[in-house]
């Protein structure tokens, strides 16, 4: 193998790793948007003609954030979407990814916590140098509820609590110990 061939192979490998990271960042950005109820962040990962299927509901990507926030707000007071196992197959400017998600949703009643496990099945395309979701199909594999009353027991008094807006401390730049407003339990 010539030095030129080796260099070209190394460039391909670097591009592949960079694409994998950008695709995983896209998936994670969408999950973060969910948990902060940041519709702009959520929809920024969809192509303009992207589509999202969540159960019986199919939404255009640019409309997904507002729809998801409205649906989650109906029954939940808080939630976290955790991306775990992630696989990805890249073929040029198209990719197919499967991302496992564990969602924890605190009920508005303050007493229930729903746990759900599923997967995001995504087709993505690189357009204008950026990876975007062109199709997302969501599965639910399992779900159960648990008692969440311990959250209100006082055991967490003083701990930071997330908010569903850009006042959440995760948006603060720079983040300092005295950054306000800080919502606490």
N, C-alpha and C. Protein backbone atom coordinates (compact mmCIF):
# COMPACT_ATOMS: atom_id res chain seq x y z
N UNK A 1 0.86 -1.17 0.00
CA UNK A 1 0.00 0.00 0.00
C UNK A 1 0.90 1.24 0.00
N UNK A 2 0.60 2.15 -0.87
CA UNK A 2 1.41 3.37 -0.97
C UNK A 2 1.02 4.36 0.13
N UNK A 3 1.88 5.29 0.37
CA UNK A 3 1.61 6.33 1.38
C UNK A 3 0.36 7.12 0.99
N UNK A 4 0.19 7.36 -0.29
CA UNK A 4 -0.99 8.10 -0.76
C UNK A 4 -2.28 7.31 -0.50
N UNK A 5 -2.24 6.01 -0.72
CA UNK A 5 -3.40 5.15 -0.47
C UNK A 5 -3.71 5.10 1.02
N UNK A 6 -2.66 4.98 1.84
CA UNK A 6 -2.85 4.96 3.29
C UNK A 6 -3.45 6.27 3.78
N UNK A 7 -2.98 7.37 3.23
CA UNK A 7 -3.50 8.68 3.61
C UNK A 7 -4.97 8.81 3.23
N UNK A 8 -5.33 8.34 2.06
CA UNK A 8 -6.73 8.39 1.62
C UNK A 8 -7.61 7.52 2.52
N UNK A 9 -7.13 6.34 2.90
CA UNK A 9 -7.87 5.46 3.80
C UNK A 9 -8.05 6.13 5.16
N UNK A 10 -7.03 6.77 5.66
CA UNK A 10 -7.12 7.49 6.94
C UNK A 10 -8.13 8.63 6.86
N UNK A 11 -8.17 9.34 5.76
CA UNK A 11 -9.16 10.41 5.57
C UNK A 11 -10.59 9.86 5.60
N UNK A 12 -10.79 8.70 4.94
CA UNK A 12 -12.12 8.07 4.95
C UNK A 12 -12.53 7.67 6.36
N UNK A 13 -11.60 7.10 7.11
CA UNK A 13 -11.89 6.69 8.48
C UNK A 13 -12.21 7.89 9.36
N UNK A 14 -11.48 8.97 9.22
CA UNK A 14 -11.73 10.18 10.00
C UNK A 14 -13.10 10.75 9.64
N UNK A 15 -13.44 10.78 8.35
CA UNK A 15 -14.75 11.29 7.91
C UNK A 15 -15.87 10.44 8.50
N UNK A 16 -15.67 9.11 8.51
CA UNK A 16 -16.68 8.19 9.05
C UNK A 16 -16.90 8.47 10.54
N UNK A 17 -15.82 8.60 11.30
CA UNK A 17 -15.94 8.86 12.74
C UNK A 17 -16.60 10.22 12.96
N UNK A 18 -16.21 11.22 12.18
CA UNK A 18 -16.82 12.55 12.31
C UNK A 18 -18.32 12.48 12.01
N UNK A 19 -18.70 11.76 10.96
CA UNK A 19 -20.12 11.61 10.62
C UNK A 19 -20.88 10.91 11.75
N UNK A 20 -20.29 9.85 12.33
CA UNK A 20 -20.95 9.13 13.44
C UNK A 20 -21.19 10.06 14.61
N UNK A 21 -20.21 10.88 14.95
CA UNK A 21 -20.35 11.81 16.07
C UNK A 21 -21.42 12.85 15.76
N UNK A 22 -21.43 13.37 14.55
CA UNK A 22 -22.43 14.37 14.17
C UNK A 22 -23.84 13.79 14.19
N UNK A 23 -24.00 12.55 13.79
CA UNK A 23 -25.31 11.90 13.81
C UNK A 23 -25.76 11.66 15.24
N UNK A 24 -24.88 11.17 16.10
CA UNK A 24 -25.23 10.97 17.50
C UNK A 24 -25.54 12.32 18.16
N UNK A 25 -24.79 13.35 17.83
CA UNK A 25 -25.09 14.69 18.36
C UNK A 25 -26.48 15.14 17.94
N UNK A 26 -26.88 14.84 16.72
CA UNK A 26 -28.21 15.19 16.21
C UNK A 26 -29.29 14.50 17.06
N UNK A 27 -29.12 13.21 17.31
CA UNK A 27 -30.08 12.44 18.11
C UNK A 27 -30.13 12.99 19.54
N UNK A 28 -28.96 13.25 20.12
CA UNK A 28 -28.92 13.76 21.49
C UNK A 28 -29.50 15.17 21.60
N UNK A 29 -29.27 15.99 20.60
CA UNK A 29 -29.81 17.36 20.58
C UNK A 29 -31.33 17.33 20.60
N UNK A 30 -31.92 16.40 19.86
CA UNK A 30 -33.36 16.28 19.83
C UNK A 30 -33.88 15.85 21.20
N UNK A 31 -33.20 14.91 21.87
CA UNK A 31 -33.62 14.47 23.20
C UNK A 31 -33.51 15.62 24.21
N UNK A 32 -32.44 16.39 24.13
CA UNK A 32 -32.28 17.54 25.03
C UNK A 32 -33.39 18.56 24.79
N UNK A 33 -33.73 18.79 23.54
CA UNK A 33 -34.83 19.71 23.23
C UNK A 33 -36.12 19.26 23.86
N UNK A 34 -36.37 17.94 23.83
CA UNK A 34 -37.56 17.38 24.50
C UNK A 34 -37.59 17.78 25.96
N UNK A 35 -36.49 17.52 26.64
CA UNK A 35 -36.46 17.67 28.09
C UNK A 35 -36.42 19.12 28.57
N UNK A 36 -36.08 20.03 27.70
CA UNK A 36 -36.13 21.45 28.03
C UNK A 36 -37.35 22.12 27.41
N UNK A 37 -38.17 21.35 26.71
CA UNK A 37 -39.33 21.86 25.97
C UNK A 37 -38.91 22.99 25.03
N UNK A 38 -37.77 22.80 24.41
CA UNK A 38 -37.20 23.76 23.48
C UNK A 38 -37.58 23.33 22.06
N UNK A 39 -38.71 23.82 21.59
CA UNK A 39 -39.22 23.40 20.27
C UNK A 39 -38.25 23.74 19.16
N UNK A 40 -37.58 24.89 19.26
CA UNK A 40 -36.61 25.26 18.22
C UNK A 40 -35.46 24.26 18.17
N UNK A 41 -34.94 23.87 19.32
CA UNK A 41 -33.85 22.90 19.36
C UNK A 41 -34.32 21.55 18.82
N UNK A 42 -35.51 21.13 19.24
CA UNK A 42 -36.06 19.85 18.78
C UNK A 42 -36.20 19.81 17.26
N UNK A 43 -36.80 20.85 16.71
CA UNK A 43 -37.07 20.82 15.27
C UNK A 43 -35.84 21.13 14.43
N UNK A 44 -34.80 21.69 15.05
CA UNK A 44 -33.59 22.03 14.29
C UNK A 44 -32.89 20.79 13.74
N UNK A 45 -33.20 19.62 14.27
CA UNK A 45 -32.53 18.39 13.82
C UNK A 45 -33.26 17.73 12.65
N UNK A 46 -34.44 18.24 12.32
CA UNK A 46 -35.20 17.67 11.21
C UNK A 46 -34.94 18.44 9.92
N UNK A 47 -34.87 17.71 8.82
CA UNK A 47 -34.82 18.35 7.51
C UNK A 47 -36.15 19.07 7.30
N UNK A 48 -36.18 20.12 6.48
CA UNK A 48 -37.44 20.84 6.24
C UNK A 48 -38.57 19.93 5.78
N UNK A 49 -38.24 18.86 5.07
CA UNK A 49 -39.26 17.91 4.61
C UNK A 49 -39.26 16.64 5.47
N UNK A 50 -38.64 16.71 6.66
CA UNK A 50 -38.56 15.56 7.55
C UNK A 50 -39.92 15.19 8.12
N UNK A 51 -40.02 13.94 8.57
CA UNK A 51 -41.26 13.40 9.10
C UNK A 51 -40.96 12.67 10.40
N UNK A 52 -41.85 12.79 11.38
CA UNK A 52 -41.73 12.09 12.65
C UNK A 52 -43.01 11.29 12.90
N UNK A 53 -42.85 10.00 13.18
CA UNK A 53 -43.98 9.13 13.52
C UNK A 53 -43.83 8.71 14.97
N UNK A 54 -44.76 9.14 15.81
CA UNK A 54 -44.85 8.72 17.21
C UNK A 54 -46.21 8.06 17.38
N UNK A 55 -46.24 6.75 17.35
CA UNK A 55 -47.50 6.03 17.45
C UNK A 55 -48.41 6.40 16.30
N UNK A 56 -49.66 6.74 16.59
CA UNK A 56 -50.60 7.06 15.51
C UNK A 56 -50.40 8.47 14.95
N UNK A 57 -49.52 9.25 15.56
CA UNK A 57 -49.34 10.64 15.13
C UNK A 57 -48.13 10.78 14.22
N UNK A 58 -48.36 11.37 13.06
CA UNK A 58 -47.30 11.64 12.09
C UNK A 58 -47.26 13.15 11.89
N UNK A 59 -46.09 13.73 12.13
CA UNK A 59 -45.93 15.18 12.04
C UNK A 59 -44.79 15.53 11.10
N UNK A 60 -44.91 16.66 10.45
CA UNK A 60 -43.79 17.21 9.69
C UNK A 60 -42.72 17.61 10.70
N UNK A 61 -41.46 17.37 10.37
CA UNK A 61 -40.36 17.68 11.28
C UNK A 61 -40.42 19.08 11.86
N UNK A 62 -40.63 20.12 11.02
CA UNK A 62 -40.68 21.48 11.56
C UNK A 62 -41.84 21.73 12.53
N UNK A 63 -42.84 20.87 12.54
CA UNK A 63 -43.98 21.02 13.45
C UNK A 63 -43.87 20.12 14.68
N UNK A 64 -42.88 19.25 14.68
CA UNK A 64 -42.78 18.24 15.72
C UNK A 64 -42.61 18.83 17.11
N UNK A 65 -41.72 19.80 17.29
CA UNK A 65 -41.43 20.35 18.61
C UNK A 65 -42.66 20.88 19.32
N UNK A 66 -43.44 21.70 18.62
CA UNK A 66 -44.65 22.27 19.23
C UNK A 66 -45.64 21.15 19.58
N UNK A 67 -45.80 20.18 18.69
CA UNK A 67 -46.71 19.05 18.95
C UNK A 67 -46.24 18.27 20.17
N UNK A 68 -44.95 17.93 20.23
CA UNK A 68 -44.43 17.12 21.34
C UNK A 68 -44.58 17.86 22.66
N UNK A 69 -44.28 19.16 22.68
CA UNK A 69 -44.41 19.92 23.92
C UNK A 69 -45.86 19.93 24.40
N UNK A 70 -46.79 20.13 23.49
CA UNK A 70 -48.21 20.14 23.86
C UNK A 70 -48.63 18.78 24.42
N UNK A 71 -48.22 17.71 23.76
CA UNK A 71 -48.60 16.36 24.21
C UNK A 71 -47.99 16.03 25.56
N UNK A 72 -46.71 16.32 25.74
CA UNK A 72 -46.05 16.02 27.02
C UNK A 72 -46.66 16.85 28.15
N UNK A 73 -46.99 18.10 27.87
CA UNK A 73 -47.54 18.99 28.91
C UNK A 73 -48.91 18.56 29.40
N UNK A 74 -49.63 17.80 28.60
CA UNK A 74 -50.96 17.34 29.02
C UNK A 74 -50.91 16.47 30.27
N UNK A 75 -49.90 15.60 30.36
CA UNK A 75 -49.90 14.62 31.45
C UNK A 75 -48.64 14.61 32.31
N UNK A 76 -47.56 15.26 31.86
CA UNK A 76 -46.31 15.18 32.60
C UNK A 76 -45.90 16.53 33.17
N UNK A 77 -45.26 16.47 34.35
CA UNK A 77 -44.70 17.67 34.97
C UNK A 77 -43.21 17.79 34.64
N UNK A 78 -42.59 16.67 34.28
CA UNK A 78 -41.17 16.66 33.96
C UNK A 78 -40.87 15.35 33.23
N UNK A 79 -39.76 15.32 32.51
CA UNK A 79 -39.35 14.08 31.86
C UNK A 79 -37.89 14.16 31.43
N UNK A 80 -37.30 12.99 31.26
CA UNK A 80 -35.93 12.86 30.77
C UNK A 80 -35.90 11.77 29.71
N UNK A 81 -35.33 12.07 28.56
CA UNK A 81 -35.15 11.10 27.48
C UNK A 81 -33.67 10.75 27.45
N UNK A 82 -33.35 9.50 27.77
CA UNK A 82 -31.96 9.06 27.84
C UNK A 82 -31.63 8.19 26.63
N UNK A 83 -30.72 8.65 25.80
CA UNK A 83 -30.27 7.88 24.65
C UNK A 83 -29.19 6.92 25.15
N UNK A 84 -29.36 5.64 24.85
CA UNK A 84 -28.40 4.65 25.32
C UNK A 84 -27.70 4.01 24.11
N UNK A 85 -28.00 2.78 23.79
CA UNK A 85 -27.36 2.10 22.67
C UNK A 85 -27.66 2.83 21.37
N UNK A 86 -26.64 3.05 20.57
CA UNK A 86 -26.81 3.78 19.31
C UNK A 86 -25.98 3.08 18.24
N UNK A 87 -26.64 2.69 17.16
CA UNK A 87 -25.92 2.12 16.01
C UNK A 87 -26.23 2.98 14.79
N UNK A 88 -25.33 2.94 13.85
CA UNK A 88 -25.47 3.81 12.68
C UNK A 88 -24.77 3.20 11.48
N UNK A 89 -25.45 3.22 10.36
CA UNK A 89 -24.87 2.78 9.09
C UNK A 89 -24.88 3.97 8.15
N UNK A 90 -23.72 4.32 7.63
CA UNK A 90 -23.58 5.50 6.77
C UNK A 90 -23.23 5.04 5.37
N UNK A 91 -23.96 5.58 4.40
CA UNK A 91 -23.70 5.31 3.00
C UNK A 91 -23.70 6.65 2.28
N UNK A 92 -22.53 7.25 2.15
CA UNK A 92 -22.43 8.56 1.49
C UNK A 92 -23.13 9.62 2.32
N UNK A 93 -24.13 10.27 1.73
CA UNK A 93 -24.87 11.33 2.40
C UNK A 93 -26.18 10.85 3.02
N UNK A 94 -26.33 9.55 3.16
CA UNK A 94 -27.51 8.97 3.80
C UNK A 94 -27.05 8.05 4.93
N UNK A 95 -27.82 8.04 6.01
CA UNK A 95 -27.49 7.16 7.14
C UNK A 95 -28.78 6.61 7.74
N UNK A 96 -28.65 5.46 8.35
CA UNK A 96 -29.74 4.85 9.10
C UNK A 96 -29.23 4.59 10.51
N UNK A 97 -29.96 5.09 11.50
CA UNK A 97 -29.54 4.95 12.89
C UNK A 97 -30.66 4.33 13.71
N UNK A 98 -30.25 3.59 14.71
CA UNK A 98 -31.17 3.04 15.70
C UNK A 98 -30.64 3.47 17.06
N UNK A 99 -31.47 4.19 17.81
CA UNK A 99 -31.06 4.71 19.11
C UNK A 99 -32.07 4.25 20.15
N UNK A 100 -31.58 3.55 21.15
CA UNK A 100 -32.45 3.13 22.25
C UNK A 100 -32.70 4.34 23.13
N UNK A 101 -33.93 4.45 23.64
CA UNK A 101 -34.28 5.57 24.50
C UNK A 101 -35.02 5.03 25.72
N UNK A 102 -34.61 5.52 26.88
CA UNK A 102 -35.33 5.25 28.12
C UNK A 102 -35.89 6.58 28.56
N UNK A 103 -37.20 6.65 28.62
CA UNK A 103 -37.87 7.88 29.04
C UNK A 103 -38.44 7.73 30.43
N UNK A 104 -38.21 8.73 31.26
CA UNK A 104 -38.82 8.77 32.58
C UNK A 104 -39.68 10.01 32.62
N UNK A 105 -40.93 9.84 32.96
CA UNK A 105 -41.90 10.94 32.93
C UNK A 105 -42.60 11.05 34.26
N UNK A 106 -42.45 12.21 34.91
CA UNK A 106 -43.13 12.46 36.19
C UNK A 106 -44.53 12.97 35.90
N UNK A 107 -45.51 12.32 36.49
CA UNK A 107 -46.90 12.71 36.27
C UNK A 107 -47.22 14.03 36.95
N UNK A 108 -48.19 14.72 36.38
CA UNK A 108 -48.63 15.99 36.96
C UNK A 108 -49.21 15.82 38.36
N UNK A 109 -49.63 14.60 38.69
CA UNK A 109 -50.21 14.35 40.01
C UNK A 109 -49.17 14.36 41.13
N UNK A 110 -47.87 14.38 40.77
CA UNK A 110 -46.82 14.39 41.78
C UNK A 110 -46.63 13.06 42.48
N UNK A 111 -47.36 12.05 42.03
CA UNK A 111 -47.31 10.74 42.70
C UNK A 111 -46.80 9.62 41.81
N UNK A 112 -46.84 9.83 40.50
CA UNK A 112 -46.52 8.74 39.58
C UNK A 112 -45.32 9.08 38.70
N UNK A 113 -44.54 8.06 38.44
CA UNK A 113 -43.41 8.18 37.53
C UNK A 113 -43.55 7.06 36.51
N UNK A 114 -43.61 7.43 35.24
CA UNK A 114 -43.71 6.43 34.17
C UNK A 114 -42.32 6.19 33.59
N UNK A 115 -41.99 4.94 33.41
CA UNK A 115 -40.74 4.55 32.75
C UNK A 115 -41.13 3.90 31.43
N UNK A 116 -40.46 4.30 30.37
CA UNK A 116 -40.74 3.71 29.06
C UNK A 116 -39.43 3.43 28.35
N UNK A 117 -39.40 2.34 27.64
CA UNK A 117 -38.24 1.99 26.83
C UNK A 117 -38.68 1.81 25.39
N UNK A 118 -37.90 2.34 24.49
CA UNK A 118 -38.21 2.21 23.07
C UNK A 118 -36.99 2.53 22.24
N UNK A 119 -37.24 2.73 20.96
CA UNK A 119 -36.14 3.02 20.04
C UNK A 119 -36.57 4.10 19.06
N UNK A 120 -35.61 4.88 18.64
CA UNK A 120 -35.80 5.81 17.53
C UNK A 120 -35.13 5.17 16.32
N UNK A 121 -35.91 4.96 15.29
CA UNK A 121 -35.40 4.43 14.02
C UNK A 121 -35.35 5.61 13.06
N UNK A 122 -34.14 6.03 12.72
CA UNK A 122 -33.96 7.26 11.96
C UNK A 122 -33.30 7.03 10.61
N UNK A 123 -33.81 7.73 9.61
CA UNK A 123 -33.09 7.90 8.34
C UNK A 123 -32.63 9.35 8.34
N UNK A 124 -31.36 9.56 8.10
CA UNK A 124 -30.81 10.91 8.09
C UNK A 124 -30.14 11.17 6.76
N UNK A 125 -30.06 12.44 6.41
CA UNK A 125 -29.33 12.85 5.21
C UNK A 125 -28.43 14.01 5.57
N UNK A 126 -27.26 14.02 4.92
CA UNK A 126 -26.37 15.17 5.05
C UNK A 126 -26.76 16.15 3.94
N UNK A 127 -27.20 17.33 4.38
CA UNK A 127 -27.58 18.38 3.44
C UNK A 127 -26.84 19.66 3.81
N UNK A 128 -26.24 20.27 2.83
CA UNK A 128 -25.45 21.49 3.08
C UNK A 128 -24.47 21.27 4.22
N UNK A 129 -23.89 20.08 4.28
CA UNK A 129 -22.87 19.77 5.27
C UNK A 129 -23.37 19.38 6.64
N UNK A 130 -24.70 19.34 6.87
CA UNK A 130 -25.24 19.02 8.20
C UNK A 130 -26.15 17.80 8.12
N UNK A 131 -26.03 16.91 9.10
CA UNK A 131 -26.89 15.74 9.18
C UNK A 131 -28.22 16.14 9.79
N UNK A 132 -29.32 15.75 9.13
CA UNK A 132 -30.67 16.05 9.60
C UNK A 132 -31.51 14.78 9.48
N UNK A 133 -32.50 14.67 10.37
CA UNK A 133 -33.42 13.53 10.33
C UNK A 133 -34.44 13.78 9.22
N UNK A 134 -34.56 12.82 8.31
CA UNK A 134 -35.58 12.91 7.26
C UNK A 134 -36.79 12.03 7.60
N UNK A 135 -36.57 11.00 8.43
CA UNK A 135 -37.67 10.17 8.90
C UNK A 135 -37.30 9.59 10.25
N UNK A 136 -38.19 9.77 11.22
CA UNK A 136 -38.05 9.12 12.52
C UNK A 136 -39.31 8.31 12.77
N UNK A 137 -39.09 7.04 13.15
CA UNK A 137 -40.18 6.18 13.59
C UNK A 137 -39.84 5.73 15.01
N UNK A 138 -40.79 5.84 15.90
CA UNK A 138 -40.57 5.61 17.32
C UNK A 138 -41.25 4.32 17.75
N UNK A 139 -40.53 3.48 18.48
CA UNK A 139 -41.13 2.27 19.02
C UNK A 139 -41.29 2.42 20.54
N UNK A 140 -42.20 1.68 21.10
CA UNK A 140 -42.32 1.49 22.55
C UNK A 140 -42.15 0.00 22.77
N UNK A 141 -41.19 -0.38 23.59
CA UNK A 141 -40.91 -1.80 23.84
C UNK A 141 -41.45 -2.25 25.19
N UNK A 142 -41.47 -1.36 26.18
CA UNK A 142 -41.96 -1.68 27.50
C UNK A 142 -42.29 -0.39 28.24
N UNK A 143 -43.09 -0.52 29.28
CA UNK A 143 -43.44 0.63 30.11
C UNK A 143 -43.96 0.14 31.45
N UNK A 144 -43.71 0.92 32.48
CA UNK A 144 -44.29 0.64 33.79
C UNK A 144 -44.35 1.94 34.58
N UNK A 145 -45.15 1.96 35.62
CA UNK A 145 -45.24 3.13 36.47
C UNK A 145 -44.71 2.79 37.86
N UNK A 146 -44.28 3.83 38.55
CA UNK A 146 -43.75 3.67 39.90
C UNK A 146 -44.24 4.84 40.76
N UNK A 147 -44.09 4.67 42.04
CA UNK A 147 -44.47 5.71 43.00
C UNK A 147 -43.41 6.81 42.99
N UNK A 148 -43.80 8.04 42.72
CA UNK A 148 -42.87 9.17 42.66
C UNK A 148 -42.99 10.10 43.87
N UNK A 149 -43.79 9.73 44.86
CA UNK A 149 -44.04 10.63 45.98
C UNK A 149 -42.76 10.97 46.76
N UNK A 150 -41.75 10.11 46.69
CA UNK A 150 -40.49 10.37 47.38
C UNK A 150 -39.85 11.68 46.92
N UNK A 151 -40.10 12.07 45.66
CA UNK A 151 -39.56 13.34 45.17
C UNK A 151 -40.03 14.53 45.99
N UNK A 152 -41.22 14.41 46.55
CA UNK A 152 -41.81 15.51 47.33
C UNK A 152 -41.65 15.31 48.84
N UNK A 153 -40.78 14.39 49.24
CA UNK A 153 -40.62 14.06 50.66
C UNK A 153 -39.76 15.05 51.42
N UNK A 154 -39.06 15.92 50.72
CA UNK A 154 -38.12 16.82 51.37
C UNK A 154 -36.70 16.32 51.31
N UNK A 155 -36.49 15.08 50.88
CA UNK A 155 -35.15 14.50 50.81
C UNK A 155 -34.26 15.23 49.80
N UNK A 156 -34.86 15.94 48.86
CA UNK A 156 -34.08 16.61 47.81
C UNK A 156 -34.07 18.13 47.98
N UNK A 157 -34.52 18.58 49.13
CA UNK A 157 -34.60 20.02 49.40
C UNK A 157 -33.24 20.68 49.10
N UNK A 158 -33.30 21.74 48.29
CA UNK A 158 -32.09 22.47 47.94
C UNK A 158 -31.43 22.02 46.65
N UNK A 159 -31.77 20.82 46.15
CA UNK A 159 -31.21 20.37 44.87
C UNK A 159 -31.78 21.20 43.74
N UNK A 160 -30.98 21.41 42.70
CA UNK A 160 -31.48 22.10 41.51
C UNK A 160 -32.57 21.28 40.86
N UNK A 161 -33.50 21.96 40.21
CA UNK A 161 -34.60 21.32 39.49
C UNK A 161 -34.65 21.95 38.11
N UNK A 162 -34.76 21.13 37.10
CA UNK A 162 -34.81 21.63 35.73
C UNK A 162 -36.09 22.39 35.44
N UNK A 163 -36.04 23.21 34.39
CA UNK A 163 -37.22 23.94 33.94
C UNK A 163 -37.42 23.67 32.45
N UNK A 164 -38.65 23.88 32.00
CA UNK A 164 -39.01 23.63 30.60
C UNK A 164 -38.89 24.91 29.79
N UNK A 165 -37.77 25.56 29.86
CA UNK A 165 -37.56 26.77 29.07
C UNK A 165 -36.07 27.09 29.05
N UNK A 166 -35.72 28.17 28.40
CA UNK A 166 -34.30 28.53 28.30
C UNK A 166 -33.77 29.20 29.57
N UNK A 167 -34.59 29.28 30.62
CA UNK A 167 -34.08 29.69 31.93
C UNK A 167 -33.41 28.53 32.66
N UNK A 168 -33.55 27.32 32.13
CA UNK A 168 -32.87 26.17 32.72
C UNK A 168 -31.37 26.47 32.75
N UNK A 169 -30.72 26.10 33.83
CA UNK A 169 -29.30 26.44 33.98
C UNK A 169 -28.40 25.82 32.91
N UNK A 170 -28.87 24.82 32.20
CA UNK A 170 -28.04 24.22 31.14
C UNK A 170 -27.78 25.20 30.00
N UNK A 171 -28.57 26.27 29.92
CA UNK A 171 -28.38 27.29 28.89
C UNK A 171 -27.44 28.41 29.34
N UNK A 172 -27.14 28.48 30.63
CA UNK A 172 -26.34 29.58 31.19
C UNK A 172 -24.91 29.53 30.66
N UNK A 173 -24.43 30.65 30.16
CA UNK A 173 -23.05 30.80 29.70
C UNK A 173 -22.52 32.11 30.20
N UNK A 174 -21.48 32.13 30.98
CA UNK A 174 -20.86 30.95 31.58
C UNK A 174 -21.71 30.46 32.75
N UNK A 175 -21.61 29.17 33.04
CA UNK A 175 -22.28 28.61 34.20
C UNK A 175 -21.41 28.90 35.41
N UNK A 176 -21.98 29.56 36.39
CA UNK A 176 -21.27 29.87 37.63
C UNK A 176 -22.08 29.37 38.81
N UNK A 177 -21.45 29.28 39.96
CA UNK A 177 -22.12 28.82 41.16
C UNK A 177 -23.26 29.74 41.55
N UNK A 178 -23.16 31.02 41.22
CA UNK A 178 -24.20 31.98 41.59
C UNK A 178 -25.13 32.33 40.42
N UNK A 179 -25.09 31.53 39.36
CA UNK A 179 -25.97 31.77 38.22
C UNK A 179 -27.43 31.65 38.67
N UNK A 180 -28.20 32.64 38.33
CA UNK A 180 -29.63 32.67 38.67
C UNK A 180 -30.43 32.90 37.40
N UNK A 181 -31.71 32.62 37.30
CA UNK A 181 -32.50 32.05 38.38
C UNK A 181 -32.26 30.55 38.48
N UNK A 182 -32.22 30.05 39.68
CA UNK A 182 -32.05 28.63 39.92
C UNK A 182 -33.30 28.12 40.62
N UNK A 183 -33.98 27.19 39.97
CA UNK A 183 -35.16 26.57 40.57
C UNK A 183 -34.68 25.39 41.41
N UNK A 184 -35.19 25.28 42.61
CA UNK A 184 -34.76 24.22 43.52
C UNK A 184 -35.96 23.46 44.08
N UNK A 185 -35.70 22.25 44.48
CA UNK A 185 -36.71 21.45 45.16
C UNK A 185 -36.98 22.07 46.51
